[in-house]
Amino acid sequence: MRYSILAVAVLALSGVSAAQAQTTVIERGGPDRVVVDRPASESRTVERRETSDGCRTKTVTKENELGDRKSVTKESCD
């Protein structure tokens, strides 16, 4: 009787390990992402303009808590 209980226990444990061996892990090779937290005290405005001749202008203006303001403008024409 003891041997049959022991045999059942061994079979049960081997069944559990067999179920774990069938586990599949799927990894996705997506690009790494970087998240940058900006201070809440900095204000940023983005302005985009497009003209009929195909030129586009993008202006980014930042202002910090001291009132210092910096603007950067980029223009591209096709």
N, C-alpha and C. Protein backbone atom coordinates (compact mmCIF):
# COMPACT_ATOMS: atom_id res chain seq x y z
N MET A 1 0.82 -1.19 0.00
CA MET A 1 0.00 0.00 0.00
C MET A 1 0.87 1.26 0.00
N ARG A 2 1.95 1.24 0.79
CA ARG A 2 2.84 2.40 0.84
C ARG A 2 3.50 2.65 -0.51
N TYR A 3 3.84 1.56 -1.19
CA TYR A 3 4.49 1.73 -2.49
C TYR A 3 3.54 2.32 -3.53
N SER A 4 2.29 1.98 -3.47
CA SER A 4 1.34 2.53 -4.45
C SER A 4 1.10 4.03 -4.19
N ILE A 5 1.07 4.44 -2.93
CA ILE A 5 0.91 5.87 -2.61
C ILE A 5 2.15 6.63 -3.05
N LEU A 6 3.31 6.04 -2.82
CA LEU A 6 4.57 6.66 -3.23
C LEU A 6 4.64 6.75 -4.76
N ALA A 7 4.20 5.72 -5.45
CA ALA A 7 4.22 5.71 -6.92
C ALA A 7 3.27 6.78 -7.47
N VAL A 8 2.10 6.92 -6.87
CA VAL A 8 1.15 7.95 -7.31
C VAL A 8 1.72 9.34 -7.09
N ALA A 9 2.39 9.54 -5.97
CA ALA A 9 2.99 10.84 -5.67
C ALA A 9 4.09 11.16 -6.67
N VAL A 10 4.91 10.18 -7.02
CA VAL A 10 6.00 10.40 -7.99
C VAL A 10 5.42 10.72 -9.36
N LEU A 11 4.39 9.99 -9.76
CA LEU A 11 3.76 10.25 -11.05
C LEU A 11 3.12 11.64 -11.09
N ALA A 12 2.51 12.04 -9.99
CA ALA A 12 1.88 13.37 -9.93
C ALA A 12 2.93 14.46 -10.05
N LEU A 13 4.06 14.29 -9.36
CA LEU A 13 5.12 15.30 -9.43
C LEU A 13 5.75 15.34 -10.82
N SER A 14 5.92 14.22 -11.47
CA SER A 14 6.49 14.21 -12.81
C SER A 14 5.51 14.83 -13.81
N GLY A 15 4.23 14.69 -13.58
CA GLY A 15 3.23 15.32 -14.44
C GLY A 15 3.28 16.83 -14.33
N VAL A 16 3.52 17.33 -13.12
CA VAL A 16 3.62 18.78 -12.92
C VAL A 16 4.84 19.32 -13.63
N SER A 17 5.97 18.64 -13.53
CA SER A 17 7.19 19.13 -14.19
C SER A 17 7.05 19.04 -15.71
N ALA A 18 6.33 18.05 -16.21
CA ALA A 18 6.11 17.94 -17.65
C ALA A 18 5.24 19.09 -18.14
N ALA A 19 4.27 19.50 -17.36
CA ALA A 19 3.41 20.62 -17.74
C ALA A 19 4.22 21.92 -17.75
N GLN A 20 5.14 22.07 -16.84
CA GLN A 20 5.98 23.26 -16.81
C GLN A 20 6.94 23.28 -17.99
N ALA A 21 7.37 22.13 -18.45
CA ALA A 21 8.30 22.07 -19.57
C ALA A 21 7.63 22.53 -20.86
N GLN A 22 6.33 22.54 -20.94
CA GLN A 22 5.62 22.93 -22.14
C GLN A 22 5.26 24.42 -22.15
N THR A 23 5.73 25.17 -21.20
CA THR A 23 5.45 26.60 -21.14
C THR A 23 6.22 27.31 -22.24
N THR A 24 5.56 28.20 -22.97
CA THR A 24 6.18 28.94 -24.06
C THR A 24 6.28 30.41 -23.68
N VAL A 25 7.45 30.97 -23.88
CA VAL A 25 7.68 32.39 -23.61
C VAL A 25 7.86 33.08 -24.94
N ILE A 26 7.04 34.10 -25.22
CA ILE A 26 7.12 34.85 -26.46
C ILE A 26 7.69 36.23 -26.14
N GLU A 27 8.82 36.53 -26.77
CA GLU A 27 9.44 37.84 -26.58
C GLU A 27 9.31 38.63 -27.87
N ARG A 28 8.96 39.88 -27.76
CA ARG A 28 8.83 40.71 -28.94
C ARG A 28 10.05 41.62 -29.03
N GLY A 29 10.59 41.72 -30.20
CA GLY A 29 11.80 42.50 -30.41
C GLY A 29 11.52 43.92 -30.81
N GLY A 30 10.65 44.59 -30.08
CA GLY A 30 10.31 45.97 -30.39
C GLY A 30 11.44 46.92 -30.00
N PRO A 31 11.43 48.12 -30.51
CA PRO A 31 12.48 49.08 -30.19
C PRO A 31 12.39 49.54 -28.73
N ASP A 32 13.54 49.83 -28.17
CA ASP A 32 13.57 50.36 -26.81
C ASP A 32 13.02 51.78 -26.83
N ARG A 33 12.35 52.15 -25.77
CA ARG A 33 11.77 53.49 -25.69
C ARG A 33 12.38 54.22 -24.52
N VAL A 34 12.60 55.48 -24.72
CA VAL A 34 13.14 56.35 -23.67
C VAL A 34 12.07 57.37 -23.33
N VAL A 35 11.74 57.46 -22.07
CA VAL A 35 10.74 58.42 -21.61
C VAL A 35 11.47 59.51 -20.83
N VAL A 36 11.27 60.75 -21.24
CA VAL A 36 11.92 61.88 -20.59
C VAL A 36 10.84 62.70 -19.90
N ASP A 37 10.97 62.85 -18.61
CA ASP A 37 10.04 63.68 -17.86
C ASP A 37 10.51 65.13 -17.93
N ARG A 38 9.60 65.98 -18.31
CA ARG A 38 9.93 67.41 -18.38
C ARG A 38 9.41 68.08 -17.11
N PRO A 39 10.15 69.04 -16.62
CA PRO A 39 9.67 69.75 -15.43
C PRO A 39 8.36 70.49 -15.73
N ALA A 40 7.47 70.49 -14.77
CA ALA A 40 6.17 71.13 -14.95
C ALA A 40 6.29 72.64 -15.04
N SER A 41 7.42 73.18 -14.58
CA SER A 41 7.59 74.63 -14.58
C SER A 41 8.00 75.16 -15.95
N GLU A 42 8.30 74.26 -16.91
CA GLU A 42 8.72 74.71 -18.23
C GLU A 42 7.53 74.70 -19.19
N SER A 43 7.31 75.80 -19.87
CA SER A 43 6.21 75.91 -20.81
C SER A 43 6.77 75.75 -22.23
N ARG A 44 6.06 74.99 -23.08
CA ARG A 44 6.53 74.76 -24.44
C ARG A 44 5.37 74.95 -25.40
N THR A 45 5.62 75.67 -26.49
CA THR A 45 4.63 75.91 -27.53
C THR A 45 5.21 75.48 -28.87
N VAL A 46 4.42 74.72 -29.64
CA VAL A 46 4.84 74.29 -30.97
C VAL A 46 3.89 74.89 -31.99
N GLU A 47 4.46 75.56 -33.00
CA GLU A 47 3.65 76.19 -34.05
C GLU A 47 4.12 75.65 -35.40
N ARG A 48 3.18 75.14 -36.20
CA ARG A 48 3.51 74.60 -37.52
C ARG A 48 2.75 75.39 -38.58
N ARG A 49 3.46 75.70 -39.67
CA ARG A 49 2.83 76.42 -40.79
C ARG A 49 3.25 75.75 -42.10
N GLU A 50 2.32 75.71 -43.03
CA GLU A 50 2.60 75.17 -44.35
C GLU A 50 2.07 76.13 -45.39
N THR A 51 2.91 76.44 -46.38
CA THR A 51 2.50 77.38 -47.41
C THR A 51 2.10 76.63 -48.67
N SER A 52 1.50 77.34 -49.62
CA SER A 52 1.01 76.72 -50.84
C SER A 52 2.14 76.29 -51.78
N ASP A 53 3.34 76.86 -51.61
CA ASP A 53 4.46 76.48 -52.48
C ASP A 53 5.23 75.26 -51.96
N GLY A 54 4.74 74.60 -50.90
CA GLY A 54 5.34 73.35 -50.41
C GLY A 54 6.33 73.52 -49.28
N CYS A 55 6.49 74.71 -48.76
CA CYS A 55 7.42 74.93 -47.65
C CYS A 55 6.69 74.75 -46.32
N ARG A 56 7.40 74.17 -45.37
CA ARG A 56 6.84 73.97 -44.04
C ARG A 56 7.77 74.61 -43.00
N THR A 57 7.17 75.23 -42.01
CA THR A 57 7.93 75.87 -40.94
C THR A 57 7.42 75.35 -39.60
N LYS A 58 8.36 75.00 -38.71
CA LYS A 58 8.01 74.54 -37.37
C LYS A 58 8.80 75.39 -36.38
N THR A 59 8.09 76.03 -35.45
CA THR A 59 8.72 76.86 -34.43
C THR A 59 8.38 76.30 -33.05
N VAL A 60 9.41 76.04 -32.25
CA VAL A 60 9.24 75.56 -30.89
C VAL A 60 9.75 76.65 -29.95
N THR A 61 8.89 77.08 -29.03
CA THR A 61 9.24 78.12 -28.06
C THR A 61 9.14 77.54 -26.66
N LYS A 62 10.21 77.71 -25.89
CA LYS A 62 10.23 77.24 -24.50
C LYS A 62 10.45 78.42 -23.57
N GLU A 63 9.76 78.36 -22.44
CA GLU A 63 9.91 79.40 -21.43
C GLU A 63 10.02 78.74 -20.06
N ASN A 64 11.04 79.11 -19.28
CA ASN A 64 11.21 78.50 -17.96
C ASN A 64 10.55 79.35 -16.89
N GLU A 65 10.68 78.90 -15.64
CA GLU A 65 10.00 79.58 -14.54
C GLU A 65 10.54 80.98 -14.26
N LEU A 66 11.74 81.29 -14.77
CA LEU A 66 12.32 82.62 -14.57
C LEU A 66 11.88 83.60 -15.66
N GLY A 67 11.17 83.11 -16.66
CA GLY A 67 10.70 83.96 -17.75
C GLY A 67 11.64 83.99 -18.94
N ASP A 68 12.73 83.22 -18.88
CA ASP A 68 13.65 83.15 -20.02
C ASP A 68 12.98 82.38 -21.15
N ARG A 69 13.04 82.92 -22.37
CA ARG A 69 12.36 82.33 -23.51
C ARG A 69 13.37 82.03 -24.61
N LYS A 70 13.21 80.84 -25.25
CA LYS A 70 14.08 80.44 -26.35
C LYS A 70 13.20 79.87 -27.45
N SER A 71 13.44 80.33 -28.70
CA SER A 71 12.68 79.84 -29.85
C SER A 71 13.63 79.24 -30.87
N VAL A 72 13.21 78.13 -31.46
CA VAL A 72 13.97 77.47 -32.52
C VAL A 72 13.03 77.26 -33.68
N THR A 73 13.46 77.67 -34.89
CA THR A 73 12.63 77.56 -36.08
C THR A 73 13.34 76.69 -37.11
N LYS A 74 12.60 75.74 -37.70
CA LYS A 74 13.12 74.92 -38.78
C LYS A 74 12.21 75.07 -39.98
N GLU A 75 12.83 75.19 -41.17
CA GLU A 75 12.06 75.35 -42.39
C GLU A 75 12.55 74.33 -43.41
N SER A 76 11.60 73.70 -44.10
CA SER A 76 11.96 72.75 -45.15
C SER A 76 11.03 72.98 -46.34
N CYS A 77 11.64 72.94 -47.51
CA CYS A 77 10.89 73.13 -48.75
C CYS A 77 11.13 71.91 -49.65
N ASP A 78 10.05 71.41 -50.25
CA ASP A 78 10.16 70.24 -51.13
C ASP A 78 10.55 70.64 -52.53
